[in-house]
Amino acid sequence: IMLPKYRLPTEAEWEFAALGLIGNMLAEERIFDQRIYPWNGHYIRMDDKSGYGSADIGKIRANIVRGRGDYMGTAGALNDAYDITSPVDAMWPNDYGLYAMAGNVNEWVMDVYRSLTTQDANEFRPFRGNVYKTQVRDEEGAIAEKDTLGHIQWRNVTDEEAFNRYNYNTADNINYLDGNYESSIEYRNEAANRDNTNSDRMYDIGKKGTEGTWQKKYRGRLNAQTMIDNRARVYKGGGWHDRAYWMSPGARRFLDQEQSRDDLGFRCAMFRVGSQQQGY
């Protein structure tokens, strides 16, 4: 039995799923209405273009904060009717049939955060966070025995193994063009550039303490030079105490991957094996 492998979606995959442009398009890829949110129009309420019945016109389309202190409306005239999180299917789905792609709970994506990701990422399947690995092999070149959980063992590709590759020349590419030696002022200093993955010159990421906690140091003191480092992950979608701005699929924020919030969750993407289905 082949079981699918689940993971977080990349930022690009998440935005594609949230926009749901399949329902906003005529023949020959002609988009007939611009979208700010995962539905047609520029409003956070249902209108006559929503495709639902007239009884739904005027209703809030997502679980958000409409204004200061207005989490669910006023007595006798509730808007989204939820002061905190709501059931996933409490609001209407987008054109892909996905619920809560705006509001209710923010969602992690797999990308490591950089402010200029949209400018330095590839346009085909963009993603920041690649660490290339290969299978662990024994002395005879065969794949090593599985670990205690029954998983194949993997290790990072060495620089020697990646030397003649065109698409990458080192295993860890999280800092690609933003924190690696090629993007630093010392890019010509061979002695300073021996560690291609070191981002301390641009991002002071601190050191991991004996108890597994990260101690961020800057010039010997326990404070950080920046909140952006290789553990800062992107999250999107807007939550139950966010304003409408954060519901736009293009809006992005970041948080240390080891931290959490009361309005932050995730949904999984699934690897699919087989031919591409027509129309999807």
Protein backbone atom coordinates (compact mmCIF):
# COMPACT_ATOMS: atom_id res chain seq x y z
CA ILE A 1 0.00 0.00 0.00
CA MET A 2 1.40 3.39 -1.00
CA LEU A 3 0.46 6.09 1.47
CA PRO A 4 0.77 9.78 0.54
CA LYS A 5 3.35 11.96 2.23
CA TYR A 6 2.05 15.09 3.92
CA ARG A 7 3.88 18.37 4.48
CA LEU A 8 3.24 22.07 4.88
CA PRO A 9 2.41 23.85 1.61
CA THR A 10 4.92 26.29 0.20
CA GLU A 11 3.93 29.95 0.22
CA ALA A 12 3.26 29.86 -3.53
CA GLU A 13 1.09 26.74 -3.23
CA TRP A 14 -0.87 28.29 -0.37
CA GLU A 15 -1.55 31.52 -2.29
CA PHE A 16 -2.64 29.56 -5.37
CA ALA A 17 -5.07 27.52 -3.29
CA ALA A 18 -6.38 30.57 -1.42
CA LEU A 19 -7.12 32.69 -4.49
CA GLY A 20 -9.11 29.93 -6.19
CA LEU A 21 -9.00 31.65 -9.58
CA ILE A 22 -10.68 28.66 -11.21
CA GLY A 23 -14.00 30.32 -10.37
CA ASN A 24 -12.93 33.76 -11.54
CA MET A 25 -12.05 33.00 -15.12
CA LEU A 26 -13.74 32.82 -18.49
CA ALA A 27 -12.46 30.84 -21.46
CA GLU A 28 -8.87 31.37 -22.60
CA GLU A 29 -7.67 32.41 -19.13
CA ARG A 30 -9.51 35.73 -19.11
CA ILE A 31 -9.91 36.89 -15.52
CA PHE A 32 -13.15 38.85 -15.32
CA ASP A 33 -12.92 40.23 -11.78
CA GLN A 34 -9.94 41.21 -9.65
CA ARG A 35 -9.60 39.53 -6.28
CA ILE A 36 -8.24 41.00 -3.08
CA TYR A 37 -9.56 38.14 -0.96
CA PRO A 38 -10.31 34.48 -1.79
CA TRP A 39 -13.60 35.56 -3.40
CA ASN A 40 -14.75 38.01 -6.09
CA GLY A 41 -15.15 41.68 -5.37
CA HIS A 42 -13.55 44.08 -2.92
CA TYR A 43 -15.85 43.54 0.05
CA ILE A 44 -15.72 41.39 3.16
CA ARG A 45 -19.49 40.93 3.02
CA MET A 46 -21.58 38.79 0.69
CA ASP A 47 -22.94 40.67 -2.33
CA ASP A 48 -25.04 39.86 -5.39
CA LYS A 49 -21.93 38.55 -7.21
CA SER A 50 -21.23 35.85 -4.65
CA GLY A 51 -23.41 33.24 -6.33
CA TYR A 52 -25.34 32.44 -3.15
CA GLY A 53 -28.93 33.22 -2.30
CA SER A 54 -30.29 36.66 -1.50
CA ALA A 55 -30.68 35.65 2.14
CA ASP A 56 -26.88 35.64 2.50
CA ILE A 57 -26.30 39.13 1.07
CA GLY A 58 -24.63 41.39 3.63
CA LYS A 59 -23.18 38.63 5.79
CA ILE A 60 -19.51 38.75 6.82
CA ARG A 61 -17.50 36.23 4.79
CA ALA A 62 -14.76 35.45 7.32
CA ASN A 63 -14.10 35.33 11.05
CA ILE A 64 -12.11 38.53 11.63
CA VAL A 65 -12.19 41.74 13.67
CA ARG A 66 -14.24 44.30 11.77
CA GLY A 67 -13.05 47.22 13.89
CA ARG A 68 -11.53 48.04 17.25
CA GLY A 69 -13.06 45.68 19.80
CA ASP A 70 -15.63 44.41 17.28
CA TYR A 71 -14.95 40.67 17.33
CA MET A 72 -18.45 39.45 16.52
CA GLY A 73 -20.79 42.40 16.13
CA THR A 74 -23.34 43.86 18.51
CA ALA A 75 -26.24 42.27 20.36
CA GLY A 76 -29.05 41.50 17.95
CA ALA A 77 -26.87 42.19 14.89
CA LEU A 78 -23.89 39.85 14.96
CA ASN A 79 -21.53 39.91 11.99
CA ASP A 80 -19.40 36.74 11.95
CA ALA A 81 -20.96 35.60 15.28
CA TYR A 82 -17.68 34.20 16.67
CA ASP A 83 -15.59 36.00 19.26
CA ILE A 84 -12.71 33.51 18.94
CA THR A 85 -12.16 30.62 16.52
CA SER A 86 -15.08 29.13 14.61
CA PRO A 87 -15.65 25.65 13.13
CA VAL A 88 -13.69 25.24 9.89
CA ASP A 89 -16.83 25.02 7.76
CA ALA A 90 -18.69 27.87 9.49
CA MET A 91 -18.12 30.20 6.51
CA TRP A 92 -18.40 29.68 2.79
CA PRO A 93 -15.62 27.82 0.89
CA ASN A 94 -13.64 29.36 -1.95
CA ASP A 95 -13.89 28.15 -5.55
CA TYR A 96 -11.59 25.21 -4.86
CA GLY A 97 -13.91 24.08 -2.09
CA LEU A 98 -11.40 25.03 0.62
CA TYR A 99 -12.75 26.46 3.86
CA ALA A 100 -11.25 29.23 6.02
CA MET A 101 -8.55 30.34 3.60
CA ALA A 102 -9.14 33.83 5.01
CA GLY A 103 -9.74 34.69 8.65
CA ASN A 104 -10.36 32.38 11.62
CA VAL A 105 -6.81 30.98 11.95
CA ASN A 106 -3.51 32.01 10.37
CA GLU A 107 -1.62 29.15 8.74
CA TRP A 108 2.05 28.20 8.63
CA VAL A 109 3.69 27.66 5.26
CA MET A 110 7.00 25.91 4.66
CA ASP A 111 9.02 28.92 3.45
CA VAL A 112 11.74 30.56 5.50
CA TYR A 113 10.98 34.28 5.71
CA ARG A 114 12.93 36.92 3.84
CA SER A 115 11.49 40.34 3.04
CA LEU A 116 12.64 40.21 -0.61
CA THR A 117 11.50 36.67 -1.41
CA THR A 118 9.26 37.86 -4.24
CA GLN A 119 12.27 39.42 -5.96
CA ASP A 120 15.01 36.82 -5.53
CA ALA A 121 13.00 33.58 -5.84
CA ASN A 122 12.54 31.65 -9.07
CA GLU A 123 9.24 32.21 -10.82
CA PHE A 124 8.74 28.45 -11.29
CA ARG A 125 7.72 26.80 -8.01
CA PRO A 126 9.37 29.46 -5.83
CA PHE A 127 10.46 28.33 -2.38
CA ARG A 128 13.04 29.44 0.18
CA GLY A 129 14.28 26.71 2.48
CA ASN A 130 15.79 24.02 0.26
CA VAL A 131 18.30 21.71 1.94
CA TYR A 132 19.34 19.01 -0.52
CA LYS A 133 19.83 15.52 0.89
CA THR A 134 20.86 12.09 -0.32
CA GLN A 135 20.39 8.60 1.07
CA VAL A 136 22.87 7.25 3.60
CA ARG A 137 24.79 4.32 2.09
CA ASP A 138 26.98 1.62 3.57
CA GLU A 139 30.58 0.80 2.63
CA GLU A 140 29.44 -1.26 -0.37
CA GLY A 141 27.31 1.55 -1.78
CA ALA A 142 23.97 0.00 -0.89
CA ILE A 143 21.28 2.00 0.91
CA ALA A 144 21.87 1.78 4.65
CA GLU A 145 19.45 0.03 6.97
CA LYS A 146 16.37 1.96 8.02
CA ASP A 147 16.29 3.71 11.37
CA THR A 148 14.40 2.48 14.42
CA LEU A 149 11.15 3.98 13.06
CA GLY A 150 11.50 2.22 9.73
CA HIS A 151 12.49 5.33 7.78
CA ILE A 152 15.24 5.57 5.18
CA GLN A 153 18.18 7.55 6.53
CA TRP A 154 19.19 10.77 4.78
CA ARG A 155 22.14 13.15 5.03
CA ASN A 156 23.04 16.52 3.52
CA VAL A 157 24.75 16.48 0.13
CA THR A 158 28.43 17.41 0.47
CA ASP A 159 29.98 20.27 -1.49
CA GLU A 160 32.13 17.74 -3.35
CA GLU A 161 29.05 15.82 -4.50
CA ALA A 162 27.38 19.02 -5.67
CA PHE A 163 30.48 20.48 -7.33
CA ASN A 164 29.44 19.85 -10.95
CA ARG A 165 25.73 20.50 -10.50
CA TYR A 166 24.11 23.39 -12.34
CA ASN A 167 21.14 24.10 -10.06
CA TYR A 168 22.97 24.14 -6.70
CA ASN A 169 26.52 23.79 -5.38
CA THR A 170 25.91 23.34 -1.66
CA ALA A 171 23.33 21.42 0.37
CA ASP A 172 21.88 24.20 2.52
CA ASN A 173 20.34 26.92 0.34
CA ILE A 174 18.19 28.67 2.95
CA ASN A 175 20.43 31.75 2.74
CA TYR A 176 20.53 31.84 -1.06
CA LEU A 177 21.29 35.43 -2.17
CA ASP A 178 20.35 36.73 1.27
CA GLY A 179 22.76 35.84 4.04
CA ASN A 180 25.23 33.58 2.23
CA TYR A 181 28.74 34.73 1.37
CA GLU A 182 27.75 35.67 -2.18
CA SER A 183 25.42 38.35 -0.84
CA SER A 184 27.83 39.71 1.78
CA ILE A 185 30.29 42.57 1.47
CA GLU A 186 33.12 40.04 1.91
CA TYR A 187 32.15 37.89 -1.07
CA ARG A 188 35.71 38.08 -2.43
CA ASN A 189 37.34 37.13 0.87
CA GLU A 190 38.06 33.42 0.51
CA ALA A 191 39.03 32.94 4.17
CA ALA A 192 35.78 34.49 5.39
CA ASN A 193 33.65 32.48 2.99
CA ARG A 194 34.60 28.93 3.87
CA ASP A 195 31.22 28.30 5.46
CA ASN A 196 28.69 28.97 2.71
CA THR A 197 25.70 28.53 5.02
CA ASN A 198 26.88 30.92 7.74
CA SER A 199 24.53 33.89 8.02
CA ASP A 200 25.99 35.49 11.15
CA ARG A 201 27.36 38.43 9.16
CA MET A 202 23.85 39.39 8.07
CA TYR A 203 21.58 37.75 10.65
CA ASP A 204 22.71 37.24 14.24
CA ILE A 205 20.95 33.93 14.92
CA GLY A 206 22.61 33.24 18.28
CA LYS A 207 23.61 29.85 19.63
CA LYS A 208 21.71 26.89 20.97
CA GLY A 209 22.08 26.46 24.71
CA THR A 210 22.66 23.27 26.66
CA GLU A 211 18.93 22.86 27.34
CA GLY A 212 18.01 23.16 23.67
CA THR A 213 16.84 26.77 23.88
CA TRP A 214 18.15 29.42 21.53
CA GLN A 215 20.13 32.23 23.13
CA LYS A 216 20.31 35.18 20.77
CA LYS A 217 23.46 37.20 21.32
CA TYR A 218 24.59 40.46 19.81
CA ARG A 219 28.05 41.75 20.74
CA GLY A 220 28.11 39.49 23.79
CA ARG A 221 24.69 40.49 25.10
CA LEU A 222 21.53 38.37 25.20
CA ASN A 223 19.55 40.34 22.67
CA ALA A 224 19.07 39.87 18.97
CA GLN A 225 20.25 42.05 16.15
CA THR A 226 17.19 41.06 14.10
CA MET A 227 14.11 38.87 14.35
CA ILE A 228 14.78 37.50 10.86
CA ASP A 229 16.92 34.38 10.82
CA ASN A 230 16.88 30.89 9.34
CA ARG A 231 14.16 29.75 11.75
CA ALA A 232 11.72 32.54 10.86
CA ARG A 233 8.86 30.93 8.91
CA VAL A 234 6.08 32.60 6.95
CA TYR A 235 2.44 32.44 8.01
CA LYS A 236 -0.58 33.76 6.13
CA GLY A 237 -4.35 34.08 5.99
CA GLY A 238 -5.37 36.27 8.91
CA GLY A 239 -6.87 35.12 12.20
CA TRP A 240 -9.87 35.73 14.41
CA HIS A 241 -8.37 38.90 15.93
CA ASP A 242 -6.87 40.33 12.72
CA ARG A 243 -8.18 43.09 10.47
CA ALA A 244 -9.29 42.45 6.89
CA TYR A 245 -5.89 43.46 5.46
CA TRP A 246 -4.35 40.14 6.51
CA MET A 247 -6.98 38.11 4.64
CA SER A 248 -5.40 38.96 1.29
CA PRO A 249 -3.47 35.87 0.10
CA GLY A 250 -0.48 38.07 -0.73
CA ALA A 251 -0.11 39.40 2.83
CA ARG A 252 2.66 37.69 4.79
CA ARG A 253 4.11 37.70 8.29
CA PHE A 254 6.72 35.63 10.08
CA LEU A 255 7.39 33.99 13.42
CA ASP A 256 10.12 31.79 14.87
CA GLN A 257 9.26 28.21 13.98
CA GLU A 258 9.59 27.16 17.63
CA GLN A 259 6.97 29.67 18.82
CA SER A 260 3.18 29.61 18.66
CA ARG A 261 0.12 31.87 18.85
CA ASP A 262 -3.52 31.39 19.77
CA ASP A 263 -4.59 32.18 16.20
CA LEU A 264 -1.97 30.20 14.29
CA GLY A 265 -2.39 26.69 12.90
CA PHE A 266 -1.65 24.78 9.71
CA ARG A 267 -3.10 22.65 6.95
CA CYS A 268 -1.24 19.98 5.03
CA ALA A 269 -0.36 19.59 1.38
CA MET A 270 -0.04 16.10 -0.07
CA PHE A 271 2.42 14.66 -2.53
CA ARG A 272 0.52 13.17 -5.45
CA VAL A 273 1.76 10.26 -7.56
CA GLY A 274 0.42 9.91 -11.09
CA SER A 275 -0.41 11.93 -14.16
CA GLN A 276 -1.85 15.42 -13.95
CA GLN A 277 -5.63 15.50 -14.05
CA GLN A 278 -7.13 17.63 -16.79
CA GLY A 279 -8.28 21.01 -15.55
CA TYR A 280 -6.38 21.03 -12.22
